[in-house]
Amino acid sequence: MNQINRITIDKDICHGKPCIRGMRWPVEVVIDMLGSGMSIDEIIEDHPELEKEDILASLNFAKLYLSGRSINEVA
């Protein structure tokens, strides 16, 4: 699975916010956990439904968003 394909946008899940693999895990929450100082391993330990690739995809999505590119340009 292409890393960025792990990020899904569905108007019926979390009000259309970008989420991880259709789950109710918004990208912004993952970024917030990283920003609070949690390591990838700590996030996965606390939330085993997440995978390292999900967290990396969240970072990649944030980079694309801030650069002005859309998820569709790289998917």
N, C-alpha and C. Protein backbone atom coordinates (compact mmCIF):
# COMPACT_ATOMS: atom_id res chain seq x y z
N MET A 1 0.85 -1.19 0.00
CA MET A 1 0.00 0.00 0.00
C MET A 1 0.89 1.24 0.00
N ASN A 2 0.65 2.13 -0.95
CA ASN A 2 1.35 3.41 -0.99
C ASN A 2 1.08 4.14 0.32
N GLN A 3 2.12 4.68 0.92
CA GLN A 3 1.98 5.31 2.23
C GLN A 3 0.86 6.36 2.27
N ILE A 4 0.77 7.22 1.29
CA ILE A 4 -0.24 8.28 1.32
C ILE A 4 -1.65 7.71 1.15
N ASN A 5 -1.77 6.53 0.57
CA ASN A 5 -3.08 5.88 0.42
C ASN A 5 -3.65 5.45 1.76
N ARG A 6 -2.86 5.48 2.81
CA ARG A 6 -3.34 5.17 4.15
C ARG A 6 -4.23 6.28 4.70
N ILE A 7 -4.16 7.46 4.09
CA ILE A 7 -4.96 8.59 4.53
C ILE A 7 -6.23 8.63 3.69
N THR A 8 -7.36 8.61 4.37
CA THR A 8 -8.65 8.60 3.68
C THR A 8 -9.47 9.82 4.13
N ILE A 9 -10.31 10.26 3.23
CA ILE A 9 -11.22 11.37 3.53
C ILE A 9 -12.62 10.93 3.15
N ASP A 10 -13.46 10.85 4.17
CA ASP A 10 -14.84 10.38 3.99
C ASP A 10 -15.74 11.31 4.80
N LYS A 11 -16.68 11.93 4.14
CA LYS A 11 -17.55 12.91 4.82
C LYS A 11 -18.32 12.30 5.98
N ASP A 12 -18.46 10.98 6.00
CA ASP A 12 -19.19 10.30 7.07
C ASP A 12 -18.31 9.86 8.23
N ILE A 13 -17.02 10.09 8.12
CA ILE A 13 -16.09 9.72 9.20
C ILE A 13 -15.38 10.98 9.68
N CYS A 14 -15.54 11.30 10.95
CA CYS A 14 -14.89 12.46 11.57
C CYS A 14 -15.14 13.75 10.79
N HIS A 15 -16.35 13.90 10.30
CA HIS A 15 -16.77 15.12 9.59
C HIS A 15 -15.91 15.43 8.37
N GLY A 16 -15.40 14.39 7.74
CA GLY A 16 -14.61 14.58 6.52
C GLY A 16 -13.16 14.96 6.74
N LYS A 17 -12.70 14.90 7.98
CA LYS A 17 -11.28 15.19 8.24
C LYS A 17 -10.44 14.04 7.70
N PRO A 18 -9.20 14.33 7.27
CA PRO A 18 -8.31 13.26 6.84
C PRO A 18 -8.05 12.30 8.00
N CYS A 19 -8.26 11.01 7.75
CA CYS A 19 -8.11 9.99 8.79
C CYS A 19 -7.22 8.86 8.29
N ILE A 20 -6.84 8.02 9.21
CA ILE A 20 -5.99 6.88 8.89
C ILE A 20 -6.84 5.67 8.54
N ARG A 21 -6.65 5.15 7.33
CA ARG A 21 -7.26 3.91 6.84
C ARG A 21 -8.75 3.79 7.14
N GLY A 22 -9.49 4.88 7.04
CA GLY A 22 -10.93 4.82 7.24
C GLY A 22 -11.35 4.65 8.69
N MET A 23 -10.38 4.65 9.60
CA MET A 23 -10.70 4.56 11.02
C MET A 23 -10.99 5.95 11.55
N ARG A 24 -11.45 6.02 12.74
CA ARG A 24 -11.72 7.32 13.37
C ARG A 24 -10.47 7.84 14.07
N TRP A 25 -9.38 7.87 13.29
CA TRP A 25 -8.11 8.42 13.76
C TRP A 25 -7.71 9.56 12.84
N PRO A 26 -8.12 10.80 13.17
CA PRO A 26 -7.75 11.93 12.32
C PRO A 26 -6.23 12.14 12.31
N VAL A 27 -5.74 12.55 11.16
CA VAL A 27 -4.32 12.86 11.02
C VAL A 27 -3.90 13.87 12.07
N GLU A 28 -4.75 14.86 12.33
CA GLU A 28 -4.38 15.91 13.29
C GLU A 28 -4.11 15.35 14.68
N VAL A 29 -4.80 14.29 15.07
CA VAL A 29 -4.57 13.69 16.39
C VAL A 29 -3.20 13.02 16.44
N VAL A 30 -2.84 12.34 15.37
CA VAL A 30 -1.52 11.70 15.30
C VAL A 30 -0.42 12.76 15.35
N ILE A 31 -0.59 13.83 14.58
CA ILE A 31 0.39 14.91 14.59
C ILE A 31 0.48 15.54 15.98
N ASP A 32 -0.66 15.69 16.64
CA ASP A 32 -0.69 16.23 17.99
C ASP A 32 0.09 15.35 18.97
N MET A 33 -0.08 14.04 18.85
CA MET A 33 0.67 13.13 19.74
C MET A 33 2.17 13.27 19.51
N LEU A 34 2.57 13.35 18.24
CA LEU A 34 3.99 13.54 17.94
C LEU A 34 4.48 14.88 18.49
N GLY A 35 3.66 15.91 18.31
CA GLY A 35 4.02 17.23 18.78
C GLY A 35 4.13 17.34 20.29
N SER A 36 3.40 16.46 21.00
CA SER A 36 3.46 16.47 22.46
C SER A 36 4.71 15.75 22.97
N GLY A 37 5.47 15.16 22.04
CA GLY A 37 6.71 14.51 22.43
C GLY A 37 6.67 13.00 22.42
N MET A 38 5.53 12.42 22.08
CA MET A 38 5.45 10.96 22.01
C MET A 38 6.26 10.46 20.83
N SER A 39 6.94 9.35 21.03
CA SER A 39 7.67 8.72 19.93
C SER A 39 6.70 7.83 19.15
N ILE A 40 7.13 7.42 17.97
CA ILE A 40 6.31 6.50 17.17
C ILE A 40 6.05 5.23 17.96
N ASP A 41 7.07 4.71 18.60
CA ASP A 41 6.91 3.48 19.38
C ASP A 41 5.92 3.66 20.54
N GLU A 42 5.95 4.82 21.20
CA GLU A 42 5.01 5.07 22.30
C GLU A 42 3.58 5.15 21.78
N ILE A 43 3.39 5.78 20.64
CA ILE A 43 2.04 5.89 20.05
C ILE A 43 1.51 4.50 19.72
N ILE A 44 2.34 3.67 19.10
CA ILE A 44 1.92 2.32 18.73
C ILE A 44 1.66 1.47 19.97
N GLU A 45 2.47 1.66 21.00
CA GLU A 45 2.26 0.90 22.24
C GLU A 45 0.92 1.27 22.88
N ASP A 46 0.60 2.56 22.88
CA ASP A 46 -0.67 3.02 23.46
C ASP A 46 -1.87 2.73 22.57
N HIS A 47 -1.64 2.68 21.26
CA HIS A 47 -2.73 2.52 20.29
C HIS A 47 -2.31 1.46 19.25
N PRO A 48 -2.39 0.18 19.62
CA PRO A 48 -1.88 -0.89 18.76
C PRO A 48 -2.60 -1.04 17.41
N GLU A 49 -3.75 -0.39 17.25
CA GLU A 49 -4.42 -0.44 15.95
C GLU A 49 -3.69 0.41 14.92
N LEU A 50 -2.81 1.29 15.37
CA LEU A 50 -2.01 2.10 14.46
C LEU A 50 -0.71 1.38 14.13
N GLU A 51 -0.19 1.66 12.95
CA GLU A 51 1.07 1.08 12.51
C GLU A 51 2.05 2.21 12.21
N LYS A 52 3.31 1.88 12.23
CA LYS A 52 4.34 2.88 11.95
C LYS A 52 4.07 3.59 10.62
N GLU A 53 3.64 2.85 9.62
CA GLU A 53 3.37 3.43 8.30
C GLU A 53 2.23 4.44 8.36
N ASP A 54 1.27 4.24 9.28
CA ASP A 54 0.18 5.20 9.46
C ASP A 54 0.71 6.54 9.96
N ILE A 55 1.62 6.46 10.90
CA ILE A 55 2.19 7.68 11.49
C ILE A 55 3.05 8.40 10.46
N LEU A 56 3.83 7.66 9.72
CA LEU A 56 4.64 8.27 8.66
C LEU A 56 3.76 8.86 7.57
N ALA A 57 2.66 8.19 7.25
CA ALA A 57 1.72 8.72 6.26
C ALA A 57 1.09 10.01 6.75
N SER A 58 0.82 10.11 8.05
CA SER A 58 0.28 11.33 8.63
C SER A 58 1.25 12.49 8.47
N LEU A 59 2.51 12.23 8.74
CA LEU A 59 3.53 13.26 8.56
C LEU A 59 3.65 13.67 7.10
N ASN A 60 3.62 12.70 6.22
CA ASN A 60 3.71 12.98 4.79
C ASN A 60 2.50 13.80 4.33
N PHE A 61 1.31 13.45 4.81
CA PHE A 61 0.11 14.20 4.46
C PHE A 61 0.24 15.65 4.94
N ALA A 62 0.71 15.84 6.17
CA ALA A 62 0.86 17.19 6.71
C ALA A 62 1.85 17.99 5.86
N LYS A 63 2.92 17.36 5.43
CA LYS A 63 3.90 18.04 4.58
C LYS A 63 3.25 18.46 3.26
N LEU A 64 2.50 17.55 2.66
CA LEU A 64 1.82 17.86 1.40
C LEU A 64 0.82 18.99 1.58
N TYR A 65 0.06 18.93 2.64
CA TYR A 65 -0.96 19.94 2.91
C TYR A 65 -0.31 21.33 3.07
N LEU A 66 0.77 21.38 3.81
CA LEU A 66 1.45 22.65 4.04
C LEU A 66 2.14 23.18 2.79
N SER A 67 2.49 22.29 1.89
CA SER A 67 3.14 22.70 0.65
C SER A 67 2.12 23.18 -0.39
N GLY A 68 0.83 22.99 -0.09
CA GLY A 68 -0.22 23.41 -1.01
C GLY A 68 -0.62 22.33 -1.99
N ARG A 69 -0.02 21.16 -1.89
CA ARG A 69 -0.38 20.06 -2.78
C ARG A 69 -1.52 19.27 -2.17
N SER A 70 -2.23 18.53 -2.98
CA SER A 70 -3.35 17.73 -2.46
C SER A 70 -2.96 16.27 -2.46
N ILE A 71 -3.71 15.50 -1.70
CA ILE A 71 -3.49 14.06 -1.62
C ILE A 71 -3.68 13.42 -2.98
N ASN A 72 -4.56 13.98 -3.82
CA ASN A 72 -4.84 13.42 -5.13
C ASN A 72 -3.67 13.58 -6.09
N GLU A 73 -2.80 14.54 -5.84
CA GLU A 73 -1.66 14.77 -6.73
C GLU A 73 -0.61 13.67 -6.61
N VAL A 74 -0.57 12.98 -5.48
CA VAL A 74 0.46 11.97 -5.27
C VAL A 74 -0.10 10.56 -5.12
N ALA A 75 -1.39 10.44 -5.00
CA ALA A 75 -2.00 9.12 -4.78
C ALA A 75 -1.91 8.27 -6.03
